Each structure stands twice: as structure tokens, then as C-alpha cells.
Amino acid sequence: MRRGKTMGPALGVASAVLVLNVPAPAHATADRPVLGDVQQAIAEVAKAYGVVGAIGEVYVDGKRWDKGTSGSRLLDGKGGRIPSSSRYRIASQTKLMEATVILQLVAEGKISLTDKLGDVLPEMAENDYVERADEITVAQLIRHTSGIPEFIDSGQFDVFDFTTAYELIDLVKAARTVPRQSDPGEYRYSTTNYVLLGMIIERVTGNSRATEFNQRLFAPLGMKDTYLATKVSDQIKGPHGHGYHPDVNGAPRDVDQLNATIGAEGAISTARDVSAFYRALNKGTLLPADLQRQLPRPFPNLCGGTVSSAAGGMPGITSTTFSTTDGRIQFAVAATLKIDNEQAMAVGDAITKAAEAVLCPDQ
């Protein structure tokens, strides 16, 4: 049995995104559940090939229960440890926040899940910016079943371009140059879906995505250290770890600044704040139950099918938040990298093992 921590109140845990009634995990007793040691788990993550530094925090009922940090803030062991409370880019976890905002607009009757893209954003059909825009629904955009290609596959964007400012429509136009590989109704992951959802948010509300995220999520949930990066050369504010991405010669190059106008994954957060989001989402305070079921499905379950995760990756960073559906426990992990994200599968595996060691130490 791994060294663990005991907690007083009984905790029922379940899948991270959909609210389900499931039994308590096998490692928990009725009154004293056990969690594994976070520092030990994070130290194992930092040993994975390509990791510069790793941080993680566990929250129970909104209070930090344990924390860990290992590796270094800068490359080659420099800069000391990254504070576990540091900000980091949550990358594709931003999509779940954006989907939540869209579904709130559905709940308010401002749009419908069955609305066609060509009706909500008429220029997509009129100017042929999106193929078959008159068939694609809002629901299909949310669930990556629109068949719209990934704009990154156009080859038009450079990781190290910190000067060119793009509009969201520029990304959509780039996606139009990529051959379609699936039809509406078929699953194929594409960030372009969320670029278009961002445009819908702005069209329907008359506000920027950043404003809507702040008003609907960050401010109400007390996510005081979270913001949506929107600038062409954004650097993370405050203490944080630096990530690196291989240049054309394979040498790691600092990507502490990233062009936030390339993509729709710009949220910068902390373990505390991102845990607050999942806690609220899973307690049902952000969406009605029927609309919550429209969110993208979570990654495969852990701990005997009682815990799920949401992950994201960008140049220089990978992050995952593990959560329980009752909203009581979150484990947020981030690792800065010096390798390409496509080479970082072992890092993802190490993070999953860390979650298992922390959230279900008896299994």
C-alpha cells in the first residue's frame, strides 16, 4: 500500500463530466477515504522523458489538501522549483469551458443545439468559408462531429511566430484549404470547431470571448488567477514554469511567450482555479443536467471507473485535471516540456499513473 493521507468526511467519487450515481471507490471506507502522497506522485511525473518541471495539487471540497512540485522552472535544472500554485496554460481544457458558455446560451434561449452554422454565422455558407455549413449544427461543433478539418493541418502557422495577429476567421479560412476527411455526424477532433463556437459566442452576445468567460465563469467561481490569453505575444503573468519546443534543428526553444491569436485554447489558470471550474460543473451549478450531457465525453475512467480526466497540450506544456462528479475531489497536474507534444505520450502516461497513485492508492 502506498503512503497516503486520510480524510474525515466520506467522499463518493464518479466520472468527471457526466453526473452519474456510482458506488464509492474501492479504496475508500465509509468514513475515512485515503489519498496518496502528491509530492511523491509529481516526482515520478518529473522523471518522464521530456519533462522540465511538474506541479500538482489536490483539492477536497474547495480546500487544498496536498501539493507537489518537482523538476525545475527553467531548462537544465535552472530557476528552482515551480511553485505548485503557479499559473499554466490549460490548453484544450479551455474547450470544455467554451462548451459550457455555449450551453449556457442555449439554456437562455439565445441559440439552439439544432441551429445550423450557416444560420448562426451566415458568412460561413455565403462565402464558402466552411464546407456544408448549412448542414452542420451547433451540437456537432461541440462534440467534434462536424467534419470540419483542423486548421493547424493547413501548415500556415508557425509555433515561433510571435508577431502575426490572426482573427478567428483567418483560422477558419485556413481550415478550408485542408481536405475534409469525415462527414457531419462522424467524430473527428478539430480545434476549428471551437474557433467557430468562439465566433458564435461573440456574434450572439456582442461581447468578446474573454468578456463572456470572465462574466460567466471566472468571476462567479472566484477564479481570480485565471484569464483568457488573447494577444499576439502573450506571456504568463506571475510565477510559472517555462516550456520549450524543438526548433527546426531539434533544439529546445523557449516558448514562454505564445501567439494566443492562433487557436481557441487560450485559458491560463492555476490548480486551484481549474479545480473550482470542475467542482462547479460537476455540482450542476453551471448547466442544467440535460445540457450537461451535451458536453464532450471525458477521457477514459480511472480508479475502477470512478474518476475521469480532461487534458490539454500546447507547445511546451501538457496539463490534466482529474475530477469526481460529485465535485468534491480534484487533482490538477501540469508538466512543462522540452519536446514536441506528439513525443510526450509517456508524459501523459506518467500523469495518469500519478493520478492513480493519488486518487486510488489501494488499487
Protein backbone atom coordinates (compact mmCIF):
# COMPACT_ATOMS: atom_id res chain seq x y z
CA MET A 1 0.00 0.00 0.00
CA ARG A 2 1.34 3.42 -0.93
CA ARG A 3 1.81 6.05 1.73
CA GLY A 4 -1.38 8.08 1.85
CA LYS A 5 -3.42 10.70 3.63
CA THR A 6 -6.73 10.12 5.37
CA MET A 7 -9.71 12.44 5.23
CA GLY A 8 -12.57 12.69 7.65
CA PRO A 9 -15.82 13.02 5.60
CA ALA A 10 -16.89 10.20 3.33
CA LEU A 11 -16.39 11.01 -0.33
CA GLY A 12 -18.32 9.43 -3.20
CA VAL A 13 -16.41 9.71 -6.46
CA ALA A 14 -17.53 9.27 -10.05
CA SER A 15 -16.83 10.12 -13.69
CA ALA A 16 -15.61 13.66 -14.25
CA VAL A 17 -18.02 15.23 -16.74
CA LEU A 18 -21.38 13.50 -16.68
CA VAL A 19 -23.28 13.47 -13.40
CA LEU A 20 -23.86 9.82 -12.54
CA ASN A 21 -24.70 7.88 -9.40
CA VAL A 22 -21.96 5.34 -8.86
CA PRO A 23 -20.56 3.48 -5.86
CA ALA A 24 -17.70 4.90 -3.80
CA PRO A 25 -14.23 3.82 -4.98
CA ALA A 26 -12.82 0.60 -3.62
CA HIS A 27 -10.04 2.34 -1.70
CA ALA A 28 -12.46 4.39 0.42
CA THR A 29 -14.06 3.33 3.67
CA ALA A 30 -17.34 4.78 4.82
CA ASP A 31 -15.75 7.47 6.96
CA ARG A 32 -12.02 7.72 6.19
CA PRO A 33 -11.10 7.72 2.49
CA VAL A 34 -7.39 7.64 1.65
CA LEU A 35 -5.45 9.69 -0.87
CA GLY A 36 -1.87 9.02 -1.92
CA ASP A 37 1.10 11.35 -1.50
CA VAL A 38 1.05 14.12 -4.12
CA GLN A 39 4.72 15.10 -3.86
CA GLN A 40 5.80 11.53 -4.48
CA ALA A 41 3.46 11.23 -7.46
CA ILE A 42 4.63 14.51 -9.02
CA ALA A 43 8.26 13.50 -8.55
CA GLU A 44 7.53 10.45 -10.70
CA VAL A 45 5.98 12.66 -13.41
CA ALA A 46 9.12 14.82 -13.48
CA LYS A 47 11.21 11.72 -14.25
CA ALA A 48 9.41 11.17 -17.57
CA TYR A 49 11.44 11.88 -20.71
CA GLY A 50 11.00 15.44 -21.93
CA VAL A 51 9.70 16.97 -18.68
CA VAL A 52 11.29 20.18 -17.41
CA GLY A 53 9.12 20.65 -14.34
CA ALA A 54 5.87 19.29 -12.92
CA ILE A 55 3.35 20.57 -10.40
CA GLY A 56 0.14 19.21 -8.93
CA GLU A 57 -2.43 19.98 -6.26
CA VAL A 58 -5.36 18.07 -4.78
CA TYR A 59 -8.50 19.90 -3.67
CA VAL A 60 -11.22 18.47 -1.44
CA ASP A 61 -14.42 20.48 -1.02
CA GLY A 62 -12.64 23.53 -2.40
CA LYS A 63 -9.70 23.38 0.01
CA ARG A 64 -6.18 22.40 -0.93
CA TRP A 65 -5.45 19.02 0.60
CA ASP A 66 -1.95 18.33 -0.72
CA LYS A 67 0.55 19.64 -3.26
CA GLY A 68 3.71 18.66 -5.09
CA THR A 69 6.42 20.12 -7.31
CA SER A 70 9.47 18.57 -8.97
CA GLY A 71 11.93 19.33 -11.72
CA SER A 72 12.81 22.95 -12.42
CA ARG A 73 11.29 26.23 -13.57
CA LEU A 74 13.79 26.59 -16.42
CA LEU A 75 15.69 24.21 -18.67
CA ASP A 76 18.70 22.24 -17.39
CA GLY A 77 17.66 22.34 -13.76
CA LYS A 78 17.80 26.13 -13.51
CA GLY A 79 15.44 28.54 -11.81
CA GLY A 80 14.47 26.43 -8.82
CA ARG A 81 11.19 24.55 -8.39
CA ILE A 82 7.91 25.78 -9.88
CA PRO A 83 5.52 26.84 -7.09
CA SER A 84 2.60 24.40 -7.13
CA SER A 85 0.19 27.35 -7.16
CA SER A 86 1.68 28.78 -10.38
CA ARG A 87 -0.30 29.66 -13.46
CA TYR A 88 -0.08 27.45 -16.55
CA ARG A 89 -1.76 27.12 -19.92
CA ILE A 90 -4.62 24.63 -19.68
CA ALA A 91 -4.76 24.31 -23.49
CA SER A 92 -7.67 22.15 -24.68
CA GLN A 93 -9.29 22.18 -21.27
CA THR A 94 -10.38 25.65 -22.43
CA LYS A 95 -12.72 23.86 -24.86
CA LEU A 96 -14.79 22.48 -22.00
CA MET A 97 -15.17 26.00 -20.63
CA GLU A 98 -16.17 27.29 -24.06
CA ALA A 99 -18.68 24.49 -24.48
CA THR A 100 -20.12 25.44 -21.09
CA VAL A 101 -20.57 29.06 -22.19
CA ILE A 102 -22.27 27.93 -25.42
CA LEU A 103 -24.63 25.64 -23.48
CA GLN A 104 -25.47 28.48 -21.10
CA LEU A 105 -26.53 30.49 -24.15
CA VAL A 106 -28.67 27.52 -25.19
CA ALA A 107 -30.26 27.45 -21.72
CA GLU A 108 -31.02 31.16 -22.09
CA GLY A 109 -32.75 30.55 -25.42
CA LYS A 110 -30.26 32.65 -27.37
CA ILE A 111 -29.23 29.76 -29.62
CA SER A 112 -30.29 26.16 -30.13
CA LEU A 113 -28.28 22.97 -30.36
CA THR A 114 -30.02 22.27 -33.66
CA ASP A 115 -29.22 25.67 -35.16
CA LYS A 116 -27.23 25.37 -38.37
CA LEU A 117 -23.84 27.02 -38.60
CA GLY A 118 -24.91 28.71 -41.82
CA ASP A 119 -27.80 30.36 -39.99
CA VAL A 120 -25.90 31.49 -36.88
CA LEU A 121 -22.90 32.68 -38.92
CA PRO A 122 -24.34 33.24 -42.41
CA GLU A 123 -20.99 34.25 -43.92
CA MET A 124 -19.73 30.70 -43.45
CA ALA A 125 -22.15 29.45 -46.09
CA GLU A 126 -22.40 32.59 -48.20
CA ASN A 127 -18.63 32.88 -48.68
CA ASP A 128 -17.94 29.14 -48.62
CA TYR A 129 -15.66 29.53 -45.61
CA VAL A 130 -16.97 26.22 -44.24
CA GLU A 131 -17.96 23.36 -46.49
CA ARG A 132 -21.53 22.14 -45.83
CA ALA A 133 -22.13 24.94 -43.31
CA ASP A 134 -25.87 24.64 -43.99
CA GLU A 135 -25.81 21.06 -42.59
CA ILE A 136 -23.57 21.43 -39.53
CA THR A 137 -25.29 22.06 -36.19
CA VAL A 138 -24.12 23.77 -33.01
CA ALA A 139 -24.27 20.39 -31.24
CA GLN A 140 -21.92 18.89 -33.82
CA LEU A 141 -19.41 21.66 -33.28
CA ILE A 142 -19.44 20.99 -29.53
CA ARG A 143 -18.92 17.26 -29.94
CA HIS A 144 -16.38 17.35 -32.80
CA THR A 145 -18.78 15.68 -35.22
CA SER A 146 -18.95 18.48 -37.79
CA GLY A 147 -16.30 17.02 -40.09
CA ILE A 148 -14.60 20.42 -40.33
CA PRO A 149 -10.82 19.94 -40.77
CA GLU A 150 -8.17 21.04 -38.29
CA PHE A 151 -6.82 24.47 -39.25
CA ILE A 152 -3.33 23.61 -37.96
CA ASP A 153 -3.11 20.95 -40.68
CA SER A 154 -3.02 23.74 -43.26
CA GLY A 155 0.65 24.31 -42.42
CA GLN A 156 0.08 28.06 -42.40
CA PHE A 157 1.02 28.67 -38.76
CA ASP A 158 4.41 28.80 -37.06
CA VAL A 159 4.84 27.98 -33.36
CA PHE A 160 7.56 30.62 -33.14
CA ASP A 161 5.59 33.39 -34.85
CA PHE A 162 5.11 35.98 -32.11
CA THR A 163 4.26 38.90 -34.38
CA THR A 164 1.42 37.97 -36.76
CA ALA A 165 -2.01 38.75 -35.33
CA TYR A 166 -4.77 36.49 -36.64
CA GLU A 167 -8.52 36.89 -36.47
CA LEU A 168 -10.68 33.83 -35.79
CA ILE A 169 -11.94 33.95 -39.37
CA ASP A 170 -8.34 33.58 -40.60
CA LEU A 171 -8.15 30.22 -38.85
CA VAL A 172 -11.44 29.12 -40.40
CA LYS A 173 -10.22 30.09 -43.85
CA ALA A 174 -7.04 28.09 -43.29
CA ALA A 175 -9.11 25.03 -42.36
CA ARG A 176 -11.00 25.37 -45.65
CA THR A 177 -7.76 24.61 -47.53
CA VAL A 178 -7.49 21.20 -45.79
CA PRO A 179 -9.37 18.30 -47.46
CA ARG A 180 -12.38 17.09 -45.48
CA GLN A 181 -11.86 13.59 -44.06
CA SER A 182 -15.24 12.99 -42.43
CA ASP A 183 -18.90 13.89 -42.87
CA PRO A 184 -21.21 15.74 -40.48
CA GLY A 185 -22.22 13.31 -37.75
CA GLU A 186 -18.88 11.46 -37.71
CA TYR A 187 -16.41 12.10 -34.89
CA ARG A 188 -13.11 13.74 -35.81
CA TYR A 189 -11.37 16.00 -33.33
CA SER A 190 -10.73 19.50 -34.66
CA THR A 191 -9.95 22.74 -32.85
CA THR A 192 -11.64 24.60 -35.72
CA ASN A 193 -14.97 23.59 -34.19
CA TYR A 194 -14.13 25.66 -31.14
CA VAL A 195 -12.83 28.57 -33.19
CA LEU A 196 -16.32 28.69 -34.72
CA LEU A 197 -18.00 28.33 -31.32
CA GLY A 198 -15.95 31.30 -30.15
CA MET A 199 -17.23 33.30 -33.11
CA ILE A 200 -20.78 32.26 -32.22
CA ILE A 201 -20.31 33.45 -28.64
CA GLU A 202 -19.15 36.84 -29.88
CA ARG A 203 -21.91 37.12 -32.50
CA VAL A 204 -24.74 36.17 -30.13
CA THR A 205 -23.61 38.19 -27.10
CA GLY A 206 -21.92 41.15 -28.74
CA ASN A 207 -19.00 40.66 -26.35
CA SER A 208 -15.54 39.19 -26.72
CA ARG A 209 -14.89 35.59 -25.66
CA ALA A 210 -12.68 36.91 -22.85
CA THR A 211 -15.51 39.06 -21.51
CA GLU A 212 -18.02 36.21 -21.59
CA PHE A 213 -15.58 33.80 -19.91
CA ASN A 214 -14.97 36.37 -17.18
CA GLN A 215 -18.62 37.19 -16.61
CA ARG A 216 -19.95 33.65 -16.77
CA LEU A 217 -17.15 31.55 -15.29
CA PHE A 218 -14.07 33.20 -13.87
CA ALA A 219 -15.65 35.94 -11.72
CA PRO A 220 -18.64 33.94 -10.39
CA LEU A 221 -16.45 30.96 -9.48
CA GLY A 222 -13.77 33.05 -7.80
CA MET A 223 -11.17 32.04 -10.40
CA LYS A 224 -9.17 35.17 -9.64
CA ASP A 225 -5.93 33.91 -11.18
CA THR A 226 -7.47 32.76 -14.48
CA TYR A 227 -7.70 34.74 -17.69
CA LEU A 228 -8.08 34.16 -21.41
CA ALA A 229 -4.90 34.98 -23.32
CA THR A 230 -5.73 36.96 -26.46
CA LYS A 231 -2.57 38.80 -27.50
CA VAL A 232 -0.21 38.02 -30.34
CA SER A 233 2.72 37.62 -27.94
CA ASP A 234 1.33 36.50 -24.60
CA GLN A 235 3.46 35.57 -21.62
CA ILE A 236 2.05 34.04 -18.45
CA LYS A 237 1.66 36.58 -15.66
CA GLY A 238 3.32 35.87 -12.33
CA PRO A 239 5.44 32.87 -11.23
CA HIS A 240 5.32 29.94 -13.64
CA GLY A 241 7.38 27.28 -15.35
CA HIS A 242 8.86 27.76 -18.81
CA GLY A 243 8.10 25.31 -21.59
CA TYR A 244 10.24 24.59 -24.64
CA HIS A 245 9.54 23.37 -28.17
CA PRO A 246 12.04 21.90 -30.66
CA ASP A 247 13.12 24.27 -33.43
CA VAL A 248 13.95 23.12 -36.97
CA ASN A 249 17.22 21.69 -35.71
CA GLY A 250 15.57 19.84 -32.84
CA ALA A 251 16.97 22.14 -30.16
CA PRO A 252 14.52 23.13 -27.40
CA ARG A 253 13.49 26.77 -27.74
CA ASP A 254 11.71 28.72 -25.03
CA VAL A 255 8.02 29.21 -25.78
CA ASP A 256 7.23 31.15 -22.62
CA GLN A 257 5.51 33.55 -24.98
CA LEU A 258 2.98 32.08 -27.39
CA ASN A 259 0.85 33.63 -30.10
CA ALA A 260 -2.57 33.46 -28.47
CA THR A 261 -4.30 34.50 -31.71
CA ILE A 262 -3.53 31.05 -33.16
CA GLY A 263 -6.26 28.85 -31.78
CA ALA A 264 -9.11 28.79 -29.29
CA GLU A 265 -7.36 27.28 -26.29
CA GLY A 266 -6.02 30.35 -24.53
CA ALA A 267 -7.10 29.97 -20.90
CA ILE A 268 -4.31 30.41 -18.36
CA SER A 269 -5.20 29.12 -14.91
CA THR A 270 -3.96 27.51 -11.69
CA ALA A 271 -4.64 24.20 -9.99
CA ARG A 272 -6.92 25.97 -7.54
CA ASP A 273 -8.92 27.77 -10.19
CA VAL A 274 -9.29 24.93 -12.67
CA SER A 275 -10.43 22.74 -9.77
CA ALA A 276 -13.08 25.35 -8.96
CA PHE A 277 -14.41 25.06 -12.50
CA TYR A 278 -14.74 21.27 -12.41
CA ARG A 279 -16.20 21.41 -8.92
CA ALA A 280 -18.94 23.81 -10.03
CA LEU A 281 -19.56 21.93 -13.27
CA ASN A 282 -19.94 18.60 -11.51
CA LYS A 283 -22.15 20.03 -8.78
CA GLY A 284 -24.54 21.14 -11.52
CA THR A 285 -24.32 24.86 -10.78
CA LEU A 286 -23.26 25.87 -14.30
CA LEU A 287 -25.66 23.92 -16.52
CA PRO A 288 -28.97 22.07 -16.31
CA ALA A 289 -28.49 18.28 -16.27
CA ASP A 290 -29.89 17.77 -19.79
CA LEU A 291 -27.42 20.27 -21.27
CA GLN A 292 -24.53 18.98 -19.18
CA ARG A 293 -24.93 15.70 -21.03
CA GLN A 294 -24.16 17.54 -24.26
CA LEU A 295 -20.59 18.26 -23.16
CA PRO A 296 -17.75 16.36 -24.86
CA ARG A 297 -17.22 12.94 -23.33
CA PRO A 298 -14.39 12.67 -20.77
CA PHE A 299 -11.23 10.69 -21.22
CA PRO A 300 -11.28 7.04 -20.05
CA ASN A 301 -12.11 6.48 -16.40
CA LEU A 302 -9.63 5.68 -13.63
CA CYS A 303 -9.92 4.04 -10.24
CA GLY A 304 -12.31 1.33 -11.32
CA GLY A 305 -14.39 3.70 -13.43
CA THR A 306 -14.98 6.31 -10.74
CA VAL A 307 -12.69 9.14 -11.84
CA SER A 308 -12.26 10.79 -15.25
CA SER A 309 -9.98 13.43 -16.67
CA ALA A 310 -9.77 16.31 -19.10
CA ALA A 311 -6.41 17.08 -20.69
CA GLY A 312 -4.78 19.66 -22.90
CA GLY A 313 -1.48 20.19 -24.64
CA MET A 314 0.25 23.12 -26.32
CA PRO A 315 3.87 23.71 -27.30
CA GLY A 316 5.85 23.39 -24.08
CA ILE A 317 3.02 22.26 -21.78
CA THR A 318 0.69 19.38 -21.02
CA SER A 319 -1.96 19.56 -18.31
CA THR A 320 -4.65 17.27 -16.95
CA THR A 321 -7.36 17.71 -14.36
CA PHE A 322 -8.83 14.62 -12.72
CA SER A 323 -12.19 15.08 -11.08
CA THR A 324 -15.12 13.38 -9.40
CA THR A 325 -18.69 14.03 -10.46
CA ASP A 326 -19.92 14.98 -7.04
CA GLY A 327 -17.50 17.91 -7.25
CA ARG A 328 -15.65 17.06 -4.06
CA ILE A 329 -12.18 15.98 -5.25
CA GLN A 330 -9.93 17.39 -7.98
CA PHE A 331 -6.30 16.62 -8.82
CA ALA A 332 -4.80 19.17 -11.23
CA VAL A 333 -1.43 18.41 -12.83
CA ALA A 334 0.75 20.39 -15.25
CA ALA A 335 4.12 19.49 -16.76
CA THR A 336 6.34 21.81 -18.78
CA LEU A 337 8.12 20.13 -21.66
CA LYS A 338 11.25 20.35 -23.80
CA ILE A 339 9.93 18.02 -26.52
CA ASP A 340 7.16 18.12 -29.11
CA ASN A 341 3.74 17.24 -27.69
CA GLU A 342 3.46 14.34 -30.11
CA GLN A 343 6.54 12.85 -28.44
CA ALA A 344 5.07 13.32 -24.97
CA MET A 345 2.76 10.31 -24.75
CA ALA A 346 4.96 8.87 -22.00
CA VAL A 347 4.40 12.07 -20.02
CA GLY A 348 0.65 11.59 -20.30
CA ASP A 349 1.05 8.02 -19.10
CA ALA A 350 3.12 9.23 -16.14
CA ILE A 351 0.45 11.77 -15.23
CA THR A 352 -2.22 9.07 -15.36
CA LYS A 353 -0.12 6.85 -13.08
CA ALA A 354 0.30 9.79 -10.71
CA ALA A 355 -3.47 10.20 -10.58
CA GLU A 356 -3.95 6.53 -9.84
CA ALA A 357 -1.35 6.72 -7.04
CA VAL A 358 -3.06 9.74 -5.52
CA LEU A 359 -6.76 9.04 -6.08
CA CYS A 360 -6.86 5.26 -5.69
CA PRO A 361 -3.70 4.27 -3.79
CA ASP A 362 -5.07 0.91 -2.66
CA GLN A 363 -5.67 -0.36 -6.20
